């Protein structure tokens, strides 16, 4: 295997990873769109449509543009991760009534 083949395979792997995370962005946008509007207000987060727009834009950046633009994919990955690991669990807890102190 020569170095050009390794470069091509690495490029395909990066596109696959970005594409997979982009799909999670679209799925997150669907979940955000089907969530009640007042849950975002109770969680003290941005409005529902802002999250939907950010997740759709992030999914678009990752699946269509991929690694061609230097900084945008990383911002998109952070936005998708923020939704999945911070916003969605908090909203899910609010909707399930899992309040605490």
Protein backbone atom coordinates (compact mmCIF):
# COMPACT_ATOMS: atom_id res chain seq x y z
CA UNK A 1 0.00 0.00 0.00
CA UNK A 2 1.51 3.28 -1.03
CA UNK A 3 1.05 6.67 0.59
CA UNK A 4 -1.54 7.92 -1.91
CA UNK A 5 -3.81 4.96 -1.17
CA UNK A 6 -3.48 5.63 2.55
CA UNK A 7 -4.39 9.27 1.95
CA UNK A 8 -7.50 8.28 -0.03
CA UNK A 9 -8.62 5.80 2.63
CA UNK A 10 -8.12 8.40 5.37
CA UNK A 11 -10.18 10.89 3.39
CA UNK A 12 -13.01 8.35 3.00
CA UNK A 13 -12.90 7.59 6.72
CA UNK A 14 -13.16 11.28 7.60
CA UNK A 15 -16.10 11.75 5.21
CA UNK A 16 -17.81 8.69 6.74
CA UNK A 17 -17.37 9.96 10.30
CA UNK A 18 -18.61 13.45 9.40
CA UNK A 19 -21.54 11.95 7.49
CA UNK A 20 -22.53 9.77 10.44
CA UNK A 21 -22.41 12.70 12.85
CA UNK A 22 -24.37 14.77 10.31
CA UNK A 23 -27.11 12.14 10.29
CA UNK A 24 -27.27 12.44 14.08
CA UNK A 25 -27.75 16.18 13.52
CA UNK A 26 -30.77 15.54 11.29
CA UNK A 27 -32.19 13.02 13.76
CA UNK A 28 -31.68 15.52 16.57
CA UNK A 29 -33.48 18.17 14.51
CA UNK A 30 -36.41 15.77 14.12
CA UNK A 31 -36.51 15.12 17.87
CA UNK A 32 -36.26 18.84 18.62
CA UNK A 33 -39.05 19.61 16.14
CA UNK A 34 -41.36 17.06 17.76
CA UNK A 35 -40.70 18.31 21.31
CA UNK A 36 -43.09 20.71 23.01
CA UNK A 37 -42.11 24.37 22.72
CA UNK A 38 -42.52 25.11 26.42
CA UNK A 39 -40.01 22.42 27.40
CA UNK A 40 -37.21 24.53 25.94
CA UNK A 41 -38.41 27.55 27.90
CA UNK A 42 -38.62 25.59 31.15
CA UNK A 43 -35.10 24.25 30.53
CA UNK A 44 -33.95 27.85 29.97
CA UNK A 45 -32.60 27.02 26.50
CA UNK A 46 -32.90 28.67 23.13
CA UNK A 47 -36.26 28.43 21.40
CA UNK A 48 -37.27 25.21 19.71
CA UNK A 49 -36.96 26.50 16.14
CA UNK A 50 -33.49 27.89 16.82
CA UNK A 51 -32.34 24.42 17.88
CA UNK A 52 -34.00 22.83 14.87
CA UNK A 53 -32.29 25.32 12.55
CA UNK A 54 -28.89 24.85 14.20
CA UNK A 55 -29.14 21.07 13.98
CA UNK A 56 -30.30 21.06 10.35
CA UNK A 57 -27.52 23.50 9.40
CA UNK A 58 -24.97 21.38 11.28
CA UNK A 59 -26.18 18.23 9.57
CA UNK A 60 -25.97 19.95 6.20
CA UNK A 61 -22.45 21.20 6.85
CA UNK A 62 -21.24 17.75 7.86
CA UNK A 63 -22.95 15.67 5.17
CA UNK A 64 -22.60 18.02 2.19
CA UNK A 65 -19.55 20.17 2.84
CA UNK A 66 -17.66 17.72 5.03
CA UNK A 67 -13.99 18.49 5.66
CA UNK A 68 -13.71 20.90 2.69
CA UNK A 69 -14.34 23.98 4.87
CA UNK A 70 -11.76 24.28 7.64
CA UNK A 71 -13.65 25.31 10.83
CA UNK A 72 -17.36 24.78 10.12
CA UNK A 73 -17.42 20.98 10.59
CA UNK A 74 -15.95 21.30 14.07
CA UNK A 75 -18.51 23.92 15.06
CA UNK A 76 -21.24 21.66 13.68
CA UNK A 77 -19.94 18.68 15.66
CA UNK A 78 -19.92 20.76 18.85
CA UNK A 79 -23.51 21.95 18.24
CA UNK A 80 -24.75 18.40 17.64
CA UNK A 81 -22.89 17.12 20.70
CA UNK A 82 -24.27 19.95 22.81
CA UNK A 83 -27.80 19.02 21.84
CA UNK A 84 -27.40 15.26 22.35
CA UNK A 85 -25.41 15.37 25.60
CA UNK A 86 -26.75 18.48 27.33
CA UNK A 87 -30.02 19.86 25.95
CA UNK A 88 -31.90 16.67 25.09
CA UNK A 89 -31.27 14.88 28.41
CA UNK A 90 -32.39 17.96 30.33
CA UNK A 91 -35.56 18.37 28.25
CA UNK A 92 -36.28 14.65 28.42
CA UNK A 93 -36.02 14.81 32.22
CA UNK A 94 -38.38 17.77 32.32
CA UNK A 95 -40.94 16.05 30.12
CA UNK A 96 -40.77 12.83 32.15
CA UNK A 97 -41.25 14.77 35.38
CA UNK A 98 -37.92 13.64 36.79
CA UNK A 99 -37.41 16.82 38.75
CA UNK A 100 -35.31 16.93 41.82
CA UNK A 101 -34.43 19.64 44.19
